[in-house]
Amino acid sequence: MYIDDDIVKHNIDIVKSFNWGNCKLYVIGGVLNKETKSKDIDIAIFGNLTEQVKNNMKKCEKLSDYLLDMQYFKTNAPLKPGDQKKISFGKINSEIPTARGRRKFRGKWEDDGLFWIKNWKNKKILQNAILIYNGV
């Protein structure tokens, strides 16, 4: 999949249809790179983590049949594109269904209700990030 594919555009429209409050959302990852064959659409979320944001994350993943990979970052300032430092992000699920069964993530549940993946090397994942929602 690539950013220009109809299925990607449709799923980005799903994300944009929700009220994310003051959050900023970006498309990141492999879907922005023509040389990769991305299997999902990574969405980075920056801003206040509210129940509404968590519910939106869950709804987006379900509505997209888990094609959307919603990732919450604990900072209001987006990381610099191409930043190579180790980062942490929260997900609404600790595993997702796949064609081969279930994909489990390494991390742990925190008190905020998210499953946190810590010290992950981002491999320039935010390079060329595209803003799709600019907070209210």
N, C-alpha and C. Protein backbone atom coordinates (compact mmCIF):
# COMPACT_ATOMS: atom_id res chain seq x y z
N MET A 1 0.84 -1.19 0.00
CA MET A 1 0.00 0.00 0.00
C MET A 1 0.88 1.24 0.00
N TYR A 2 0.36 2.28 -0.64
CA TYR A 2 1.03 3.56 -0.68
C TYR A 2 0.00 4.66 -0.43
N ILE A 3 0.45 5.81 0.00
CA ILE A 3 -0.42 6.92 0.40
C ILE A 3 -1.45 7.30 -0.66
N ASP A 4 -1.14 7.09 -1.93
CA ASP A 4 -2.06 7.47 -3.01
C ASP A 4 -3.11 6.40 -3.33
N ASP A 5 -3.01 5.23 -2.73
CA ASP A 5 -3.98 4.16 -3.00
C ASP A 5 -5.35 4.50 -2.42
N ASP A 6 -6.39 4.09 -3.14
CA ASP A 6 -7.76 4.39 -2.70
C ASP A 6 -8.06 3.86 -1.29
N ILE A 7 -7.57 2.66 -0.98
CA ILE A 7 -7.84 2.07 0.33
C ILE A 7 -7.19 2.90 1.45
N VAL A 8 -6.03 3.47 1.17
CA VAL A 8 -5.35 4.31 2.15
C VAL A 8 -6.14 5.61 2.32
N LYS A 9 -6.53 6.22 1.23
CA LYS A 9 -7.31 7.47 1.30
C LYS A 9 -8.62 7.25 2.06
N HIS A 10 -9.28 6.13 1.78
CA HIS A 10 -10.54 5.82 2.47
C HIS A 10 -10.32 5.71 3.98
N ASN A 11 -9.27 5.02 4.39
CA ASN A 11 -9.02 4.84 5.82
C ASN A 11 -8.57 6.13 6.49
N ILE A 12 -7.86 6.97 5.79
CA ILE A 12 -7.50 8.28 6.34
C ILE A 12 -8.77 9.11 6.54
N ASP A 13 -9.72 8.99 5.61
CA ASP A 13 -11.00 9.68 5.77
C ASP A 13 -11.75 9.20 7.01
N ILE A 14 -11.63 7.91 7.33
CA ILE A 14 -12.24 7.38 8.56
C ILE A 14 -11.65 8.11 9.77
N VAL A 15 -10.34 8.22 9.82
CA VAL A 15 -9.66 8.89 10.93
C VAL A 15 -10.11 10.34 11.03
N LYS A 16 -10.15 11.02 9.91
CA LYS A 16 -10.49 12.45 9.90
C LYS A 16 -11.96 12.70 10.26
N SER A 17 -12.81 11.68 10.20
CA SER A 17 -14.23 11.86 10.49
C SER A 17 -14.51 11.99 11.99
N PHE A 18 -13.54 11.65 12.84
CA PHE A 18 -13.71 11.72 14.29
C PHE A 18 -13.21 13.05 14.83
N ASN A 19 -13.77 13.45 15.98
CA ASN A 19 -13.32 14.64 16.68
C ASN A 19 -12.19 14.21 17.62
N TRP A 20 -10.98 14.68 17.36
CA TRP A 20 -9.80 14.33 18.14
C TRP A 20 -9.40 15.44 19.11
N GLY A 21 -10.29 16.40 19.34
CA GLY A 21 -10.00 17.48 20.28
C GLY A 21 -8.79 18.28 19.83
N ASN A 22 -7.86 18.51 20.76
CA ASN A 22 -6.69 19.34 20.45
C ASN A 22 -5.54 18.55 19.82
N CYS A 23 -5.75 17.29 19.52
CA CYS A 23 -4.67 16.44 19.01
C CYS A 23 -4.28 16.80 17.58
N LYS A 24 -3.03 16.47 17.27
CA LYS A 24 -2.54 16.52 15.90
C LYS A 24 -2.28 15.08 15.49
N LEU A 25 -2.74 14.71 14.30
CA LEU A 25 -2.55 13.36 13.80
C LEU A 25 -1.76 13.41 12.49
N TYR A 26 -0.84 12.47 12.37
CA TYR A 26 0.03 12.39 11.20
C TYR A 26 -0.01 10.98 10.62
N VAL A 27 0.04 10.87 9.31
CA VAL A 27 0.31 9.58 8.66
C VAL A 27 1.82 9.45 8.67
N ILE A 28 2.31 8.29 9.13
CA ILE A 28 3.75 8.04 9.21
C ILE A 28 4.04 6.65 8.66
N GLY A 29 5.28 6.29 8.58
CA GLY A 29 5.68 4.92 8.32
C GLY A 29 5.75 4.50 6.88
N GLY A 30 5.69 3.20 6.67
CA GLY A 30 5.93 2.58 5.38
C GLY A 30 5.00 3.01 4.26
N VAL A 31 3.78 3.40 4.59
CA VAL A 31 2.82 3.79 3.57
C VAL A 31 3.28 5.06 2.82
N LEU A 32 4.25 5.78 3.38
CA LEU A 32 4.79 6.98 2.74
C LEU A 32 5.98 6.68 1.86
N ASN A 33 6.43 5.44 1.84
CA ASN A 33 7.63 5.06 1.10
C ASN A 33 7.25 4.11 -0.04
N LYS A 34 7.44 4.54 -1.27
CA LYS A 34 7.06 3.71 -2.42
C LYS A 34 7.88 2.42 -2.50
N GLU A 35 9.05 2.40 -1.89
CA GLU A 35 9.91 1.22 -1.97
C GLU A 35 9.48 0.10 -1.02
N THR A 36 8.63 0.41 -0.06
CA THR A 36 8.20 -0.62 0.88
C THR A 36 6.79 -1.10 0.52
N LYS A 37 6.46 -2.27 0.97
CA LYS A 37 5.10 -2.79 0.79
C LYS A 37 4.45 -2.81 2.17
N SER A 38 3.89 -1.67 2.55
CA SER A 38 3.31 -1.55 3.87
C SER A 38 2.03 -2.37 3.97
N LYS A 39 1.86 -3.03 5.12
CA LYS A 39 0.66 -3.84 5.37
C LYS A 39 -0.35 -3.09 6.22
N ASP A 40 0.06 -1.91 6.72
CA ASP A 40 -0.86 -1.14 7.55
C ASP A 40 -0.63 0.35 7.32
N ILE A 41 -1.46 1.14 7.97
CA ILE A 41 -1.37 2.60 7.86
C ILE A 41 -1.11 3.13 9.27
N ASP A 42 0.10 3.59 9.50
CA ASP A 42 0.49 4.08 10.82
C ASP A 42 0.02 5.51 10.99
N ILE A 43 -0.67 5.77 12.11
CA ILE A 43 -1.14 7.11 12.46
C ILE A 43 -0.53 7.49 13.81
N ALA A 44 0.24 8.60 13.83
CA ALA A 44 0.82 9.12 15.07
C ALA A 44 -0.10 10.18 15.64
N ILE A 45 -0.40 10.07 16.93
CA ILE A 45 -1.31 10.99 17.62
C ILE A 45 -0.52 11.74 18.69
N PHE A 46 -0.60 13.08 18.65
CA PHE A 46 0.06 13.95 19.63
C PHE A 46 -1.00 14.85 20.25
N GLY A 47 -1.00 15.02 21.57
CA GLY A 47 -1.96 15.88 22.24
C GLY A 47 -2.44 15.26 23.54
N ASN A 48 -3.54 15.78 24.08
CA ASN A 48 -4.08 15.28 25.34
C ASN A 48 -4.75 13.92 25.15
N LEU A 49 -4.39 12.98 26.00
CA LEU A 49 -5.01 11.66 25.96
C LEU A 49 -6.28 11.69 26.78
N THR A 50 -7.42 11.66 26.10
CA THR A 50 -8.72 11.67 26.77
C THR A 50 -9.42 10.35 26.48
N GLU A 51 -10.53 10.11 27.17
CA GLU A 51 -11.32 8.92 26.88
C GLU A 51 -11.81 8.95 25.43
N GLN A 52 -12.14 10.13 24.95
CA GLN A 52 -12.60 10.27 23.57
C GLN A 52 -11.50 9.84 22.59
N VAL A 53 -10.27 10.24 22.85
CA VAL A 53 -9.16 9.85 21.98
C VAL A 53 -8.98 8.34 22.00
N LYS A 54 -9.02 7.74 23.20
CA LYS A 54 -8.88 6.28 23.29
C LYS A 54 -10.02 5.57 22.57
N ASN A 55 -11.25 6.05 22.73
CA ASN A 55 -12.38 5.46 22.02
C ASN A 55 -12.23 5.59 20.51
N ASN A 56 -11.76 6.76 20.07
CA ASN A 56 -11.53 6.97 18.64
C ASN A 56 -10.48 6.01 18.09
N MET A 57 -9.41 5.81 18.86
CA MET A 57 -8.35 4.88 18.44
C MET A 57 -8.94 3.48 18.22
N LYS A 58 -9.74 3.05 19.19
CA LYS A 58 -10.35 1.72 19.11
C LYS A 58 -11.29 1.61 17.91
N LYS A 59 -12.14 2.63 17.72
CA LYS A 59 -13.09 2.61 16.61
C LYS A 59 -12.39 2.61 15.27
N CYS A 60 -11.35 3.42 15.13
CA CYS A 60 -10.61 3.48 13.86
C CYS A 60 -10.00 2.13 13.51
N GLU A 61 -9.39 1.49 14.49
CA GLU A 61 -8.77 0.19 14.20
C GLU A 61 -9.83 -0.83 13.81
N LYS A 62 -10.96 -0.85 14.51
CA LYS A 62 -12.02 -1.82 14.18
C LYS A 62 -12.65 -1.52 12.83
N LEU A 63 -12.98 -0.25 12.57
CA LEU A 63 -13.62 0.12 11.30
C LEU A 63 -12.72 -0.19 10.10
N SER A 64 -11.42 -0.14 10.30
CA SER A 64 -10.49 -0.39 9.20
C SER A 64 -10.08 -1.86 9.13
N ASP A 65 -10.70 -2.69 9.93
CA ASP A 65 -10.32 -4.10 10.05
C ASP A 65 -8.84 -4.22 10.41
N TYR A 66 -8.40 -3.34 11.30
CA TYR A 66 -7.05 -3.29 11.85
C TYR A 66 -5.99 -2.92 10.80
N LEU A 67 -6.41 -2.29 9.72
CA LEU A 67 -5.47 -1.74 8.74
C LEU A 67 -4.83 -0.46 9.29
N LEU A 68 -5.61 0.29 10.10
CA LEU A 68 -5.08 1.49 10.75
C LEU A 68 -4.36 1.09 12.03
N ASP A 69 -3.14 1.55 12.19
CA ASP A 69 -2.35 1.30 13.39
C ASP A 69 -2.19 2.63 14.11
N MET A 70 -3.03 2.84 15.13
CA MET A 70 -3.09 4.11 15.85
C MET A 70 -2.05 4.10 16.98
N GLN A 71 -1.17 5.12 17.01
CA GLN A 71 -0.08 5.18 17.98
C GLN A 71 -0.10 6.54 18.67
N TYR A 72 -0.22 6.52 20.00
CA TYR A 72 -0.26 7.75 20.79
C TYR A 72 1.12 8.05 21.37
N PHE A 73 1.58 9.29 21.18
CA PHE A 73 2.88 9.72 21.70
C PHE A 73 2.66 10.69 22.84
N LYS A 74 3.37 10.50 23.96
CA LYS A 74 3.19 11.30 25.18
C LYS A 74 3.89 12.64 25.10
N THR A 75 3.64 13.38 24.09
CA THR A 75 4.22 14.71 23.96
C THR A 75 3.29 15.55 23.10
N ASN A 76 3.21 16.83 23.38
CA ASN A 76 2.40 17.71 22.55
C ASN A 76 3.15 18.20 21.34
N ALA A 77 4.47 18.08 21.38
CA ALA A 77 5.29 18.52 20.25
C ALA A 77 5.72 17.30 19.45
N PRO A 78 5.31 17.20 18.20
CA PRO A 78 5.72 16.05 17.39
C PRO A 78 7.23 15.91 17.34
N LEU A 79 7.69 14.69 17.30
CA LEU A 79 9.11 14.43 17.17
C LEU A 79 9.60 14.98 15.83
N LYS A 80 10.85 15.32 15.78
CA LYS A 80 11.40 15.85 14.53
C LYS A 80 11.43 14.74 13.49
N PRO A 81 11.01 15.04 12.27
CA PRO A 81 11.08 14.02 11.22
C PRO A 81 12.49 13.47 11.10
N GLY A 82 12.57 12.15 11.03
CA GLY A 82 13.86 11.50 10.90
C GLY A 82 14.62 11.35 12.21
N ASP A 83 14.04 11.78 13.32
CA ASP A 83 14.70 11.69 14.62
C ASP A 83 15.01 10.22 14.91
N GLN A 84 16.23 9.93 15.28
CA GLN A 84 16.66 8.55 15.48
C GLN A 84 16.64 8.10 16.93
N LYS A 85 16.20 8.96 17.87
CA LYS A 85 16.22 8.53 19.26
C LYS A 85 15.19 7.45 19.53
N LYS A 86 15.39 6.75 20.62
CA LYS A 86 14.42 5.72 21.00
C LYS A 86 13.18 6.40 21.56
N ILE A 87 12.02 5.92 21.16
CA ILE A 87 10.77 6.54 21.55
C ILE A 87 9.84 5.51 22.17
N SER A 88 8.79 6.00 22.80
CA SER A 88 7.74 5.14 23.36
C SER A 88 6.41 5.61 22.83
N PHE A 89 5.51 4.68 22.60
CA PHE A 89 4.17 5.05 22.16
C PHE A 89 3.16 4.06 22.72
N GLY A 90 1.93 4.54 22.85
CA GLY A 90 0.85 3.73 23.40
C GLY A 90 -0.10 3.28 22.31
N LYS A 91 -0.59 2.05 22.47
CA LYS A 91 -1.57 1.48 21.55
C LYS A 91 -2.81 1.10 22.34
N ILE A 92 -3.92 0.99 21.66
CA ILE A 92 -5.18 0.64 22.31
C ILE A 92 -5.30 -0.88 22.49
N ASN A 93 -4.47 -1.65 21.76
CA ASN A 93 -4.50 -3.11 21.82
C ASN A 93 -3.11 -3.67 22.07
N SER A 94 -3.03 -4.81 22.74
CA SER A 94 -1.75 -5.49 22.92
C SER A 94 -1.52 -6.53 21.83
N GLU A 95 -2.56 -6.78 21.04
CA GLU A 95 -2.47 -7.70 19.91
C GLU A 95 -3.60 -7.39 18.94
N ILE A 96 -3.40 -7.80 17.68
CA ILE A 96 -4.43 -7.58 16.67
C ILE A 96 -4.61 -8.86 15.85
N PRO A 97 -5.80 -9.07 15.30
CA PRO A 97 -5.99 -10.24 14.44
C PRO A 97 -5.29 -10.04 13.10
N THR A 98 -4.75 -11.12 12.56
CA THR A 98 -4.12 -11.10 11.24
C THR A 98 -4.60 -12.31 10.46
N ALA A 99 -4.23 -12.39 9.20
CA ALA A 99 -4.62 -13.54 8.37
C ALA A 99 -4.03 -14.84 8.93
N ARG A 100 -2.91 -14.74 9.64
CA ARG A 100 -2.24 -15.93 10.18
C ARG A 100 -2.54 -16.19 11.65
N GLY A 101 -3.46 -15.45 12.22
CA GLY A 101 -3.77 -15.63 13.64
C GLY A 101 -3.80 -14.29 14.35
N ARG A 102 -2.91 -14.11 15.31
CA ARG A 102 -2.85 -12.85 16.07
C ARG A 102 -1.42 -12.35 16.12
N ARG A 103 -1.27 -11.04 15.99
CA ARG A 103 0.04 -10.40 16.12
C ARG A 103 0.11 -9.76 17.50
N LYS A 104 1.08 -10.21 18.31
CA LYS A 104 1.23 -9.68 19.67
C LYS A 104 2.38 -8.68 19.69
N PHE A 105 2.18 -7.62 20.48
CA PHE A 105 3.19 -6.59 20.62
C PHE A 105 3.94 -6.77 21.93
N ARG A 106 5.18 -6.31 21.98
CA ARG A 106 5.96 -6.35 23.21
C ARG A 106 5.79 -5.02 23.94
N GLY A 107 5.36 -5.09 25.16
CA GLY A 107 5.13 -3.89 25.95
C GLY A 107 4.34 -4.25 27.19
N LYS A 108 3.72 -3.22 27.80
CA LYS A 108 2.89 -3.52 28.97
C LYS A 108 1.78 -2.48 29.11
N TRP A 109 0.69 -2.92 29.73
CA TRP A 109 -0.44 -2.04 30.00
C TRP A 109 -0.06 -1.06 31.09
N GLU A 110 -0.47 0.20 30.92
CA GLU A 110 -0.21 1.24 31.92
C GLU A 110 -1.55 1.73 32.48
N ASP A 111 -1.48 2.53 33.55
CA ASP A 111 -2.68 3.04 34.21
C ASP A 111 -3.55 3.92 33.32
N ASP A 112 -2.98 4.47 32.25
CA ASP A 112 -3.76 5.33 31.36
C ASP A 112 -4.65 4.54 30.40
N GLY A 113 -4.58 3.21 30.48
CA GLY A 113 -5.42 2.37 29.64
C GLY A 113 -4.82 2.04 28.29
N LEU A 114 -3.56 2.40 28.07
CA LEU A 114 -2.90 2.08 26.81
C LEU A 114 -1.82 1.03 27.03
N PHE A 115 -1.52 0.30 25.99
CA PHE A 115 -0.45 -0.69 25.98
C PHE A 115 0.78 0.01 25.44
N TRP A 116 1.81 0.18 26.27
CA TRP A 116 2.97 1.00 25.92
C TRP A 116 4.13 0.15 25.41
N ILE A 117 4.63 0.56 24.27
CA ILE A 117 5.83 -0.03 23.67
C ILE A 117 6.95 0.97 23.93
N LYS A 118 7.95 0.56 24.69
CA LYS A 118 8.98 1.49 25.17
C LYS A 118 10.31 1.27 24.45
N ASN A 119 11.08 2.35 24.38
CA ASN A 119 12.44 2.32 23.84
C ASN A 119 12.52 1.68 22.46
N TRP A 120 11.63 2.13 21.61
CA TRP A 120 11.56 1.59 20.25
C TRP A 120 12.38 2.49 19.33
N LYS A 121 13.26 1.89 18.56
CA LYS A 121 14.08 2.66 17.61
C LYS A 121 13.21 2.99 16.42
N ASN A 122 12.96 4.28 16.19
CA ASN A 122 11.96 4.65 15.19
C ASN A 122 12.42 4.57 13.75
N LYS A 123 13.68 4.38 13.48
CA LYS A 123 14.19 4.19 12.13
C LYS A 123 13.65 5.22 11.14
N LYS A 124 13.66 6.46 11.56
CA LYS A 124 13.22 7.57 10.71
C LYS A 124 11.75 7.46 10.31
N ILE A 125 10.92 6.83 11.14
CA ILE A 125 9.52 6.61 10.80
C ILE A 125 8.73 7.90 10.61
N LEU A 126 9.17 8.98 11.25
CA LEU A 126 8.43 10.24 11.12
C LEU A 126 8.92 11.07 9.94
N GLN A 127 9.87 10.54 9.20
CA GLN A 127 10.36 11.25 8.03
C GLN A 127 9.20 11.39 7.04
N ASN A 128 9.01 12.59 6.53
CA ASN A 128 7.95 12.89 5.55
C ASN A 128 6.54 12.72 6.12
N ALA A 129 6.38 12.80 7.43
CA ALA A 129 5.06 12.68 8.05
C ALA A 129 4.09 13.68 7.44
N ILE A 130 2.84 13.24 7.28
CA ILE A 130 1.81 14.09 6.67
C ILE A 130 0.74 14.40 7.72
N LEU A 131 0.55 15.68 8.00
CA LEU A 131 -0.47 16.11 8.95
C LEU A 131 -1.86 15.88 8.34
N ILE A 132 -2.73 15.16 9.08
CA ILE A 132 -4.08 14.92 8.57
C ILE A 132 -5.17 15.50 9.48
N TYR A 133 -4.80 15.86 10.72
CA TYR A 133 -5.76 16.46 11.64
C TYR A 133 -5.00 17.44 12.52
N ASN A 134 -5.45 18.68 12.57
CA ASN A 134 -4.70 19.73 13.25
C ASN A 134 -5.43 20.29 14.45
N GLY A 135 -5.90 19.44 15.35
CA GLY A 135 -6.52 19.88 16.61
C GLY A 135 -7.54 21.00 16.47
N VAL A 136 -8.42 21.07 17.44
CA VAL A 136 -9.48 22.10 17.41
C VAL A 136 -9.10 23.21 18.35
